[in-house]
Amino acid sequence: MHPVMVLHQMKPGLLYNTNQTTRDNKPFFTVTADINGKEFSGEGTNVKKAKFFLANAAILGLYGVESTFEISA
């Protein structure tokens, strides 16, 4: 199951903060969220990838579960 879907089911109504910067003249995104008093973040070349990495980190940090879902290139 996609990690973002799992996170939305376990923690509905999460608020995400998105920041866009530039790396090597290309857009780069950082998404952060405060969940149960802990801040999690993910980075990627688009918001979808950044949110994916945030969800992976949150699921591992909150529940000790490592996702085997792979993001498409």
N, C-alpha and C. Protein backbone atom coordinates (compact mmCIF):
# COMPACT_ATOMS: atom_id res chain seq x y z
N MET A 1 0.85 -1.17 0.00
CA MET A 1 0.00 0.00 0.00
C MET A 1 0.90 1.25 0.00
N HIS A 2 0.50 2.25 -0.73
CA HIS A 2 1.28 3.49 -0.84
C HIS A 2 1.40 4.14 0.54
N PRO A 3 2.61 4.55 0.94
CA PRO A 3 2.82 5.11 2.28
C PRO A 3 1.98 6.36 2.57
N VAL A 4 1.72 7.19 1.58
CA VAL A 4 0.90 8.38 1.81
C VAL A 4 -0.52 7.96 2.15
N MET A 5 -1.02 6.93 1.50
CA MET A 5 -2.37 6.42 1.79
C MET A 5 -2.44 5.87 3.22
N VAL A 6 -1.42 5.14 3.61
CA VAL A 6 -1.37 4.59 4.97
C VAL A 6 -1.37 5.72 5.99
N LEU A 7 -0.54 6.73 5.75
CA LEU A 7 -0.45 7.86 6.68
C LEU A 7 -1.77 8.61 6.78
N HIS A 8 -2.46 8.80 5.65
CA HIS A 8 -3.75 9.49 5.67
C HIS A 8 -4.81 8.68 6.42
N GLN A 9 -4.73 7.36 6.34
CA GLN A 9 -5.68 6.53 7.07
C GLN A 9 -5.39 6.52 8.57
N MET A 10 -4.11 6.54 8.92
CA MET A 10 -3.74 6.49 10.33
C MET A 10 -3.84 7.86 11.01
N LYS A 11 -3.60 8.92 10.26
CA LYS A 11 -3.60 10.28 10.79
C LYS A 11 -4.38 11.20 9.85
N PRO A 12 -5.70 11.08 9.79
CA PRO A 12 -6.47 11.93 8.88
C PRO A 12 -6.37 13.41 9.26
N GLY A 13 -6.43 14.26 8.26
CA GLY A 13 -6.42 15.70 8.49
C GLY A 13 -5.06 16.32 8.72
N LEU A 14 -4.00 15.62 8.33
CA LEU A 14 -2.65 16.18 8.49
C LEU A 14 -2.47 17.44 7.67
N LEU A 15 -1.73 18.38 8.23
CA LEU A 15 -1.39 19.60 7.51
C LEU A 15 0.07 19.51 7.09
N TYR A 16 0.33 19.78 5.83
CA TYR A 16 1.67 19.72 5.29
C TYR A 16 2.16 21.12 4.96
N ASN A 17 3.44 21.36 5.17
CA ASN A 17 4.08 22.60 4.76
C ASN A 17 5.02 22.26 3.61
N THR A 18 4.92 23.03 2.53
CA THR A 18 5.73 22.77 1.35
C THR A 18 6.62 23.97 1.07
N ASN A 19 7.89 23.68 0.81
CA ASN A 19 8.86 24.71 0.49
C ASN A 19 9.55 24.35 -0.82
N GLN A 20 9.62 25.30 -1.73
CA GLN A 20 10.29 25.06 -3.02
C GLN A 20 11.58 25.86 -3.08
N THR A 21 12.65 25.18 -3.47
CA THR A 21 13.94 25.82 -3.69
C THR A 21 14.43 25.41 -5.07
N THR A 22 15.65 25.78 -5.38
CA THR A 22 16.25 25.41 -6.66
C THR A 22 17.58 24.74 -6.40
N ARG A 23 17.80 23.61 -7.07
CA ARG A 23 19.09 22.91 -7.03
C ARG A 23 19.49 22.62 -8.46
N ASP A 24 20.67 23.03 -8.82
CA ASP A 24 21.16 22.83 -10.19
C ASP A 24 20.18 23.37 -11.22
N ASN A 25 19.61 24.54 -10.93
CA ASN A 25 18.64 25.21 -11.80
C ASN A 25 17.37 24.40 -12.04
N LYS A 26 17.04 23.50 -11.10
CA LYS A 26 15.81 22.71 -11.19
C LYS A 26 15.04 22.87 -9.87
N PRO A 27 13.72 22.86 -9.94
CA PRO A 27 12.94 22.98 -8.70
C PRO A 27 13.16 21.77 -7.80
N PHE A 28 13.16 22.02 -6.50
CA PHE A 28 13.35 20.98 -5.50
C PHE A 28 12.41 21.30 -4.33
N PHE A 29 11.74 20.30 -3.81
CA PHE A 29 10.69 20.51 -2.82
C PHE A 29 11.01 19.81 -1.51
N THR A 30 10.66 20.48 -0.42
CA THR A 30 10.72 19.89 0.91
C THR A 30 9.32 20.00 1.51
N VAL A 31 8.81 18.87 1.98
CA VAL A 31 7.49 18.83 2.62
C VAL A 31 7.71 18.41 4.07
N THR A 32 7.09 19.15 5.00
CA THR A 32 7.20 18.82 6.42
C THR A 32 5.81 18.70 7.03
N ALA A 33 5.74 17.94 8.12
CA ALA A 33 4.48 17.80 8.86
C ALA A 33 4.81 17.49 10.31
N ASP A 34 4.03 18.06 11.21
CA ASP A 34 4.16 17.78 12.63
C ASP A 34 3.11 16.72 12.98
N ILE A 35 3.59 15.56 13.44
CA ILE A 35 2.70 14.45 13.75
C ILE A 35 3.01 13.99 15.18
N ASN A 36 2.03 14.10 16.05
CA ASN A 36 2.20 13.71 17.46
C ASN A 36 3.40 14.40 18.10
N GLY A 37 3.62 15.66 17.75
CA GLY A 37 4.72 16.41 18.35
C GLY A 37 6.08 16.15 17.74
N LYS A 38 6.15 15.32 16.71
CA LYS A 38 7.42 15.05 16.03
C LYS A 38 7.32 15.63 14.62
N GLU A 39 8.40 16.25 14.16
CA GLU A 39 8.40 16.79 12.80
C GLU A 39 9.07 15.80 11.86
N PHE A 40 8.37 15.52 10.76
CA PHE A 40 8.89 14.64 9.72
C PHE A 40 9.01 15.45 8.45
N SER A 41 9.97 15.06 7.60
CA SER A 41 10.14 15.78 6.34
C SER A 41 10.53 14.81 5.24
N GLY A 42 10.31 15.26 4.03
CA GLY A 42 10.71 14.52 2.84
C GLY A 42 11.13 15.50 1.78
N GLU A 43 12.07 15.10 0.94
CA GLU A 43 12.56 15.96 -0.14
C GLU A 43 12.46 15.23 -1.46
N GLY A 44 12.23 16.00 -2.53
CA GLY A 44 12.17 15.40 -3.85
C GLY A 44 12.07 16.43 -4.95
N THR A 45 12.12 15.94 -6.18
CA THR A 45 12.07 16.82 -7.34
C THR A 45 10.66 17.30 -7.64
N ASN A 46 9.67 16.73 -6.96
CA ASN A 46 8.30 17.25 -7.03
C ASN A 46 7.63 17.00 -5.69
N VAL A 47 6.48 17.62 -5.48
CA VAL A 47 5.79 17.52 -4.19
C VAL A 47 5.36 16.09 -3.91
N LYS A 48 4.95 15.38 -4.93
CA LYS A 48 4.49 14.00 -4.76
C LYS A 48 5.61 13.11 -4.20
N LYS A 49 6.82 13.25 -4.75
CA LYS A 49 7.95 12.46 -4.25
C LYS A 49 8.34 12.89 -2.84
N ALA A 50 8.33 14.18 -2.58
CA ALA A 50 8.69 14.67 -1.24
C ALA A 50 7.70 14.15 -0.20
N LYS A 51 6.43 14.15 -0.53
CA LYS A 51 5.40 13.65 0.39
C LYS A 51 5.55 12.14 0.60
N PHE A 52 5.93 11.42 -0.45
CA PHE A 52 6.18 9.99 -0.36
C PHE A 52 7.28 9.70 0.67
N PHE A 53 8.39 10.44 0.58
CA PHE A 53 9.50 10.23 1.50
C PHE A 53 9.15 10.65 2.92
N LEU A 54 8.36 11.70 3.06
CA LEU A 54 7.87 12.10 4.38
C LEU A 54 7.03 10.98 4.98
N ALA A 55 6.11 10.44 4.21
CA ALA A 55 5.23 9.37 4.70
C ALA A 55 6.03 8.14 5.11
N ASN A 56 7.04 7.78 4.31
CA ASN A 56 7.91 6.65 4.67
C ASN A 56 8.57 6.88 6.02
N ALA A 57 9.13 8.08 6.20
CA ALA A 57 9.81 8.40 7.45
C ALA A 57 8.84 8.40 8.63
N ALA A 58 7.64 8.94 8.42
CA ALA A 58 6.65 9.01 9.49
C ALA A 58 6.17 7.63 9.90
N ILE A 59 5.89 6.78 8.95
CA ILE A 59 5.42 5.43 9.26
C ILE A 59 6.49 4.65 10.02
N LEU A 60 7.74 4.81 9.60
CA LEU A 60 8.83 4.14 10.31
C LEU A 60 9.00 4.72 11.71
N GLY A 61 8.98 6.04 11.82
CA GLY A 61 9.19 6.69 13.11
C GLY A 61 8.06 6.49 14.10
N LEU A 62 6.83 6.49 13.61
CA LEU A 62 5.67 6.37 14.50
C LEU A 62 5.29 4.93 14.83
N TYR A 63 5.40 4.06 13.84
CA TYR A 63 4.89 2.70 14.00
C TYR A 63 5.95 1.61 13.87
N GLY A 64 7.18 2.00 13.51
CA GLY A 64 8.25 1.01 13.35
C GLY A 64 8.07 0.11 12.15
N VAL A 65 7.32 0.59 11.16
CA VAL A 65 7.03 -0.21 9.97
C VAL A 65 7.76 0.40 8.78
N GLU A 66 8.52 -0.44 8.08
CA GLU A 66 9.24 0.02 6.90
C GLU A 66 8.45 -0.38 5.66
N SER A 67 8.11 0.60 4.84
CA SER A 67 7.34 0.35 3.63
C SER A 67 8.22 -0.28 2.56
N THR A 68 7.65 -1.23 1.82
CA THR A 68 8.37 -1.84 0.70
C THR A 68 7.87 -1.28 -0.62
N PHE A 69 6.94 -0.34 -0.57
CA PHE A 69 6.40 0.28 -1.78
C PHE A 69 7.50 1.08 -2.45
N GLU A 70 7.63 0.91 -3.77
CA GLU A 70 8.65 1.64 -4.52
C GLU A 70 7.99 2.70 -5.38
N ILE A 71 8.57 3.89 -5.34
CA ILE A 71 8.06 5.00 -6.14
C ILE A 71 8.54 4.83 -7.58
N SER A 72 7.66 5.15 -8.52
CA SER A 72 8.04 5.02 -9.93
C SER A 72 8.99 6.14 -10.32
N ALA A 73 9.82 5.87 -11.29
CA ALA A 73 10.82 6.86 -11.74
C ALA A 73 10.17 7.94 -12.47
